[in-house]
Amino acid sequence: MSASQPTFALNAEAAVPAVGFGTYLISNDDAEGAIWSAIAAGYRHIDTASGYRNEEPVGAGIRQGLNAEGLTRADLFVTAKLWPGNPAWGDAAKSGAQTIEECDASLARLGLDYVDLYLIHAPYGGDLRLEQWRAVLDLQASGKARAVGVSNFNESHLDEIAEAGLPMPDANQIELHPWSQKPNLLAFMAKHEIAPIAYSSLVPLSTWRTEPGQDSAKTDEMKADGTAFKDMAEKYGVSEAQLLLRWGVQSGYAVLPKSLNPERMRQNLDLFSFSIDDADMAKMATMDRGDGVAWASGDPSK
C-alpha cells in the first residue's frame, strides 16, 4: 500500500486505504484510462461493483496501472460487490450458490484471483439475505476475498446477522457526508467493530451528479445550498471537495472520490496536509439532514 496514506483496519489480515477511487457512473469507454490514471496519481484502492457494469475495463485499467507504475497486485486494494437481486424490482434474489457464481464472474471480468473486500451491495436479498451472507463468508474462507462486508445495511439488517450467530461484516459501505451522518448506525457498527466506508461524500457540492442520467434524490433545497462549505474550504486553502473528504477521513471513514480529471484526482488524494479544527468539526456535526440521497429510489438502508 502507499506508504504515505493512512489505512483503516478491517480484520487481522486487511486494512483499507483511507482514500479510494470510486468507479460508479464511469463509462466503459473511460474506465480503463481513468483507473490507470488513478493508480498513477497514487490511489491504492479501486472500488467497483458488478452493478456498475464496467468491471472488464476496470480490470484492464488495474493491469495497465500496476504495470506502468511497477507495482504488484499486493500493492492495490480492490473492492467488488455482489448485486443481490431485488424482488421489489422484479429481480429475483440470488441464492447462496448464485452468490458464489457471481463473485467468480466478477473475478473473471476483473482478471483477478481474489479481491481485498467483497460486499453485498444492498439489503435486498429478503429471505435469502442470510444465505447470501453465509456464501460471502465461504468466499472469504476460500481465499477469494481477504475481507467481506455489506453495503447500505442498517441496524436491523446487521442485527439479523448477529442473531443468526454468524460472524459480523468487516465493513459496511454507506452514504456518509455532513448532510447524512447516520450517528445511530455508526454507533451500532462501532459496537460490533464494523468499519464504515463512505460513498457519495461530495453530495453537498453544486457539481455533484449534474449530468443527464445521473439521477439522485437530492432535493431542490440541497441543490440551492451548493456553496454551503465554500467559506470553510477557503479558510483552509483547499477545495470544497477536499474539505468534505477530509471530514470523512477525520471522522474515521475511508472515502471513495471519483473524477476523470487528473488534477482533481491528485487534489482529492491530498487530504493529509491539513486538518479541520475542532470548532468546524463541531459546526459540521450540526448539519445532518437525515437519510442519504445518492439513490434515486431513496436511501437503500431503509
Protein backbone atom coordinates (compact mmCIF):
# COMPACT_ATOMS: atom_id res chain seq x y z
CA MET A 1 0.00 0.00 0.00
CA SER A 2 1.01 3.62 -0.40
CA ALA A 3 3.32 4.40 2.49
CA SER A 4 2.10 7.98 2.85
CA GLN A 5 -1.61 7.20 3.15
CA PRO A 6 -3.27 6.06 6.39
CA THR A 7 -5.37 2.90 6.42
CA PHE A 8 -8.33 1.65 8.45
CA ALA A 9 -8.20 -1.93 9.73
CA LEU A 10 -10.93 -4.30 8.55
CA ASN A 11 -9.65 -7.51 10.12
CA ALA A 12 -6.37 -9.08 11.15
CA GLU A 13 -5.38 -9.56 7.51
CA ALA A 14 -6.69 -6.50 5.67
CA ALA A 15 -6.72 -2.71 6.01
CA VAL A 16 -8.42 -0.33 3.58
CA PRO A 17 -6.60 2.81 2.36
CA ALA A 18 -8.18 6.00 3.67
CA VAL A 19 -8.80 7.30 0.14
CA GLY A 20 -10.02 5.07 -2.68
CA PHE A 21 -11.12 5.67 -6.24
CA GLY A 22 -14.82 5.11 -6.96
CA THR A 23 -15.95 3.84 -10.35
CA TYR A 24 -19.74 4.31 -10.28
CA LEU A 25 -21.03 6.10 -13.41
CA ILE A 26 -17.68 5.80 -15.20
CA SER A 27 -18.43 4.58 -18.71
CA ASN A 28 -16.81 1.55 -20.30
CA ASP A 29 -15.08 3.92 -22.72
CA ASP A 30 -13.50 5.93 -19.89
CA ALA A 31 -12.91 3.29 -17.22
CA GLU A 32 -9.61 1.78 -18.35
CA GLY A 33 -7.88 5.14 -18.74
CA ALA A 34 -9.42 6.50 -15.54
CA ILE A 35 -8.20 3.59 -13.42
CA TRP A 36 -4.73 3.75 -14.96
CA SER A 37 -4.61 7.50 -14.25
CA ALA A 38 -5.86 6.99 -10.70
CA ILE A 39 -3.15 4.45 -9.92
CA ALA A 40 -0.54 6.77 -11.45
CA ALA A 41 -1.86 9.60 -9.25
CA GLY A 42 -1.33 7.46 -6.14
CA TYR A 43 -4.66 5.74 -5.48
CA ARG A 44 -4.18 2.29 -3.96
CA HIS A 45 -7.85 1.35 -3.57
CA ILE A 46 -10.18 0.79 -6.52
CA ASP A 47 -13.88 0.33 -5.70
CA THR A 48 -16.15 -1.32 -8.26
CA ALA A 49 -19.28 -3.49 -8.44
CA SER A 50 -20.99 -5.84 -10.85
CA GLY A 51 -23.93 -3.43 -10.83
CA TYR A 52 -21.74 -0.70 -12.34
CA ARG A 53 -21.33 -2.81 -15.48
CA ASN A 54 -17.75 -1.73 -16.05
CA GLU A 55 -15.69 -4.46 -14.39
CA GLU A 56 -13.87 -5.55 -17.57
CA PRO A 57 -12.38 -2.13 -18.39
CA VAL A 58 -11.76 -1.51 -14.68
CA GLY A 59 -9.73 -4.75 -14.62
CA ALA A 60 -7.85 -3.69 -17.73
CA GLY A 61 -7.06 -0.34 -16.11
CA ILE A 62 -5.80 -2.10 -13.00
CA ARG A 63 -3.41 -4.21 -15.06
CA GLN A 64 -2.19 -1.21 -17.06
CA GLY A 65 -1.76 0.92 -13.96
CA LEU A 66 0.14 -1.71 -11.99
CA ASN A 67 2.45 -2.43 -14.92
CA ALA A 68 3.11 1.24 -15.64
CA GLU A 69 3.90 2.04 -12.00
CA GLY A 70 5.96 -1.09 -11.36
CA LEU A 71 3.51 -2.29 -8.71
CA THR A 72 2.35 -5.78 -7.79
CA ARG A 73 -1.19 -6.98 -7.12
CA ALA A 74 -0.45 -6.86 -3.39
CA ASP A 75 0.13 -3.09 -3.66
CA LEU A 76 -3.52 -2.48 -4.61
CA PHE A 77 -6.72 -2.88 -2.59
CA VAL A 78 -9.72 -3.83 -4.75
CA THR A 79 -13.36 -3.83 -3.62
CA ALA A 80 -16.07 -5.64 -5.60
CA LYS A 81 -19.74 -6.11 -4.83
CA LEU A 82 -22.47 -8.69 -5.28
CA TRP A 83 -25.70 -7.41 -6.77
CA PRO A 84 -28.09 -9.40 -4.51
CA GLY A 85 -31.16 -9.00 -6.69
CA ASN A 86 -34.26 -7.10 -5.62
CA PRO A 87 -37.65 -8.86 -5.85
CA ALA A 88 -39.39 -5.47 -5.46
CA TRP A 89 -37.89 -4.52 -8.83
CA GLY A 90 -38.77 -7.87 -10.45
CA ASP A 91 -35.17 -9.05 -9.95
CA ALA A 92 -35.03 -12.40 -8.11
CA ALA A 93 -32.81 -12.54 -5.02
CA LYS A 94 -29.61 -14.53 -5.51
CA SER A 95 -29.17 -17.86 -3.74
CA GLY A 96 -26.00 -18.84 -1.95
CA ALA A 97 -24.81 -20.81 -4.97
CA GLN A 98 -25.55 -17.86 -7.25
CA THR A 99 -23.62 -15.60 -4.88
CA ILE A 100 -20.52 -17.78 -5.34
CA GLU A 101 -21.07 -17.79 -9.12
CA GLU A 102 -21.45 -14.00 -9.19
CA CYS A 103 -18.17 -13.50 -7.33
CA ASP A 104 -16.40 -15.88 -9.71
CA ALA A 105 -17.85 -13.94 -12.65
CA SER A 106 -16.65 -10.63 -11.19
CA LEU A 107 -13.16 -12.03 -10.64
CA ALA A 108 -13.09 -13.25 -14.24
CA ARG A 109 -14.20 -9.86 -15.59
CA LEU A 110 -11.64 -8.07 -13.41
CA GLY A 111 -8.91 -10.54 -14.29
CA LEU A 112 -8.11 -11.14 -10.62
CA ASP A 113 -7.64 -14.23 -8.46
CA TYR A 114 -9.08 -12.50 -5.40
CA VAL A 115 -10.46 -9.19 -4.20
CA ASP A 116 -9.47 -7.48 -0.99
CA LEU A 117 -13.06 -6.73 0.01
CA TYR A 118 -16.29 -8.29 -1.26
CA LEU A 119 -19.57 -6.66 -0.28
CA ILE A 120 -23.29 -7.43 -0.60
CA HIS A 121 -24.32 -4.24 -2.42
CA ALA A 122 -27.67 -3.68 -0.67
CA PRO A 123 -30.01 -5.43 1.80
CA TYR A 124 -32.37 -6.50 -0.98
CA GLY A 125 -32.00 -10.27 -0.54
CA GLY A 126 -35.06 -10.61 1.71
CA ASP A 127 -35.47 -14.22 2.83
CA LEU A 128 -32.17 -15.07 1.13
CA ARG A 129 -30.15 -12.32 2.83
CA LEU A 130 -28.58 -14.68 5.40
CA GLU A 131 -27.95 -17.32 2.74
CA GLN A 132 -26.10 -14.70 0.71
CA TRP A 133 -24.05 -13.71 3.76
CA ARG A 134 -23.12 -17.32 4.51
CA ALA A 135 -21.93 -17.65 0.90
CA VAL A 136 -19.86 -14.47 1.21
CA LEU A 137 -18.23 -15.93 4.34
CA ASP A 138 -17.46 -19.06 2.29
CA LEU A 139 -15.79 -16.84 -0.32
CA GLN A 140 -13.57 -15.40 2.38
CA ALA A 141 -12.72 -18.85 3.70
CA SER A 142 -11.76 -19.98 0.18
CA GLY A 143 -9.38 -17.03 -0.28
CA LYS A 144 -11.41 -15.24 -2.95
CA ALA A 145 -11.88 -12.24 -0.63
CA ARG A 146 -9.48 -11.09 2.10
CA ALA A 147 -12.25 -9.20 3.87
CA VAL A 148 -16.03 -9.32 3.49
CA GLY A 149 -18.86 -6.98 4.28
CA VAL A 150 -22.07 -5.34 3.24
CA SER A 151 -23.26 -2.04 1.85
CA ASN A 152 -26.33 0.02 2.72
CA PHE A 153 -27.28 -2.24 5.65
CA ASN A 154 -28.97 -0.64 8.66
CA GLU A 155 -29.08 -1.77 12.29
CA SER A 156 -31.89 -4.29 11.75
CA HIS A 157 -30.10 -5.93 8.81
CA LEU A 158 -26.87 -6.18 10.81
CA ASP A 159 -28.73 -7.43 13.89
CA GLU A 160 -30.20 -10.21 11.73
CA ILE A 161 -26.65 -11.47 11.14
CA ALA A 162 -25.79 -11.26 14.84
CA GLU A 163 -28.97 -13.07 15.89
CA ALA A 164 -28.16 -15.87 13.45
CA GLY A 165 -24.86 -16.36 15.29
CA LEU A 166 -22.82 -15.59 12.19
CA PRO A 167 -19.60 -13.56 12.04
CA MET A 168 -20.33 -9.88 11.58
CA PRO A 169 -19.21 -7.97 8.47
CA ASP A 170 -15.75 -6.43 8.41
CA ALA A 171 -17.20 -3.29 6.78
CA ASN A 172 -20.43 -1.56 5.81
CA GLN A 173 -20.17 0.86 2.88
CA ILE A 174 -22.79 3.58 3.34
CA GLU A 175 -23.57 7.11 2.20
CA LEU A 176 -21.86 9.48 4.64
CA HIS A 177 -21.30 13.23 4.44
CA PRO A 178 -22.21 16.19 6.67
CA TRP A 179 -25.80 16.10 5.38
CA SER A 180 -26.23 12.36 6.10
CA GLN A 181 -24.24 11.40 9.20
CA LYS A 182 -26.15 8.28 10.45
CA PRO A 183 -24.98 8.55 14.09
CA ASN A 184 -27.12 5.70 15.42
CA LEU A 185 -26.00 3.31 12.70
CA LEU A 186 -22.35 4.28 13.20
CA ALA A 187 -22.66 3.71 16.96
CA PHE A 188 -24.12 0.24 16.33
CA MET A 189 -21.33 -0.54 13.88
CA ALA A 190 -18.66 0.64 16.32
CA LYS A 191 -20.11 -1.64 19.00
CA HIS A 192 -19.75 -4.60 16.61
CA GLU A 193 -16.36 -3.49 15.18
CA ILE A 194 -17.76 -2.97 11.68
CA ALA A 195 -15.69 -0.41 9.77
CA PRO A 196 -17.58 2.36 7.93
CA ILE A 197 -16.60 3.11 4.33
CA ALA A 198 -18.17 6.29 2.98
CA TYR A 199 -19.57 6.75 -0.51
CA SER A 200 -21.05 9.87 -2.11
CA SER A 201 -19.01 12.12 0.19
CA LEU A 202 -19.44 15.02 -2.25
CA VAL A 203 -23.26 15.19 -2.29
CA PRO A 204 -23.29 18.79 -0.96
CA LEU A 205 -21.33 20.14 -3.94
CA SER A 206 -23.23 22.01 -6.64
CA THR A 207 -21.26 19.99 -9.23
CA TRP A 208 -22.30 16.60 -7.82
CA ARG A 209 -24.20 14.49 -10.40
CA THR A 210 -25.37 17.23 -12.71
CA GLU A 211 -25.07 15.27 -15.96
CA PRO A 212 -28.06 13.60 -17.70
CA GLY A 213 -28.65 10.08 -16.40
CA GLN A 214 -27.05 10.82 -13.03
CA ASP A 215 -30.29 10.77 -11.07
CA SER A 216 -30.46 11.05 -7.29
CA ALA A 217 -32.89 12.00 -4.53
CA LYS A 218 -31.06 15.27 -3.82
CA THR A 219 -33.69 17.88 -3.00
CA ASP A 220 -34.06 21.33 -4.55
CA GLU A 221 -33.26 22.77 -1.11
CA MET A 222 -29.97 20.88 -1.05
CA LYS A 223 -29.16 21.98 -4.59
CA ALA A 224 -29.76 25.60 -3.56
CA ASP A 225 -27.19 25.17 -0.77
CA GLY A 226 -24.45 24.12 -3.18
CA THR A 227 -21.88 26.53 -1.72
CA ALA A 228 -22.59 25.72 1.95
CA PHE A 229 -18.95 24.73 2.54
CA LYS A 230 -17.28 27.39 0.37
CA ASP A 231 -16.19 29.74 3.15
CA MET A 232 -14.92 26.93 5.34
CA ALA A 233 -12.87 25.46 2.49
CA GLU A 234 -11.35 28.88 1.77
CA LYS A 235 -10.31 29.13 5.43
CA TYR A 236 -8.09 26.06 4.97
CA GLY A 237 -6.97 26.96 1.45
CA VAL A 238 -8.49 23.80 -0.04
CA SER A 239 -11.33 22.90 -2.39
CA GLU A 240 -14.81 22.13 -1.06
CA ALA A 241 -14.29 18.55 -2.22
CA GLN A 242 -11.10 18.27 -0.17
CA LEU A 243 -12.91 19.68 2.87
CA LEU A 244 -15.75 17.16 2.61
CA LEU A 245 -13.37 14.25 2.03
CA ARG A 246 -11.16 15.37 4.93
CA TRP A 247 -14.26 15.45 7.15
CA GLY A 248 -14.79 11.80 6.28
CA VAL A 249 -11.29 10.54 6.99
CA GLN A 250 -11.01 12.75 10.10
CA SER A 251 -14.26 11.16 11.30
CA GLY A 252 -12.69 7.73 10.86
CA TYR A 253 -14.04 6.62 7.48
CA ALA A 254 -12.37 5.57 4.25
CA VAL A 255 -13.71 7.69 1.36
CA LEU A 256 -14.20 6.99 -2.35
CA PRO A 257 -13.97 10.12 -4.52
CA LYS A 258 -14.28 9.87 -8.28
CA SER A 259 -13.06 12.20 -11.00
CA LEU A 260 -11.90 11.85 -14.58
CA ASN A 261 -9.79 15.00 -14.25
CA PRO A 262 -6.15 14.09 -13.35
CA GLU A 263 -5.63 17.31 -11.41
CA ARG A 264 -8.77 16.72 -9.32
CA MET A 265 -7.71 13.10 -8.81
CA ARG A 266 -4.49 14.35 -7.22
CA GLN A 267 -6.31 17.04 -5.26
CA ASN A 268 -8.77 14.53 -3.81
CA LEU A 269 -5.84 12.46 -2.52
CA ASP A 270 -4.29 15.49 -0.82
CA LEU A 271 -6.21 15.28 2.45
CA PHE A 272 -3.37 14.92 4.93
CA SER A 273 -1.63 18.28 4.62
CA PHE A 274 -4.39 19.96 6.66
CA SER A 275 -6.92 19.14 9.36
CA ILE A 276 -10.30 20.62 10.23
CA ASP A 277 -10.25 22.33 13.61
CA ASP A 278 -12.49 21.27 16.49
CA ALA A 279 -14.82 24.25 16.10
CA ASP A 280 -15.51 23.50 12.44
CA MET A 281 -15.93 19.76 13.11
CA ALA A 282 -18.48 20.68 15.79
CA LYS A 283 -20.24 23.01 13.36
CA MET A 284 -20.36 20.30 10.69
CA ALA A 285 -21.83 17.88 13.24
CA THR A 286 -24.92 20.13 13.42
CA MET A 287 -25.57 19.93 9.66
CA ASP A 288 -27.12 16.44 9.50
CA ARG A 289 -30.26 16.31 7.34
CA GLY A 290 -31.04 12.61 7.72
CA ASP A 291 -31.33 9.98 5.02
CA GLY A 292 -28.95 9.53 2.12
CA VAL A 293 -29.86 10.85 -1.33
CA ALA A 294 -27.44 9.11 -3.68
CA TRP A 295 -30.02 6.53 -4.82
CA ALA A 296 -32.90 8.00 -6.84
CA SER A 297 -35.19 5.37 -5.26
CA GLY A 298 -34.39 6.67 -1.77
CA ASP A 299 -31.96 5.59 0.92
CA PRO A 300 -31.48 1.82 0.34
CA SER A 301 -30.82 1.18 4.03
CA LYS A 302 -34.45 1.98 4.84
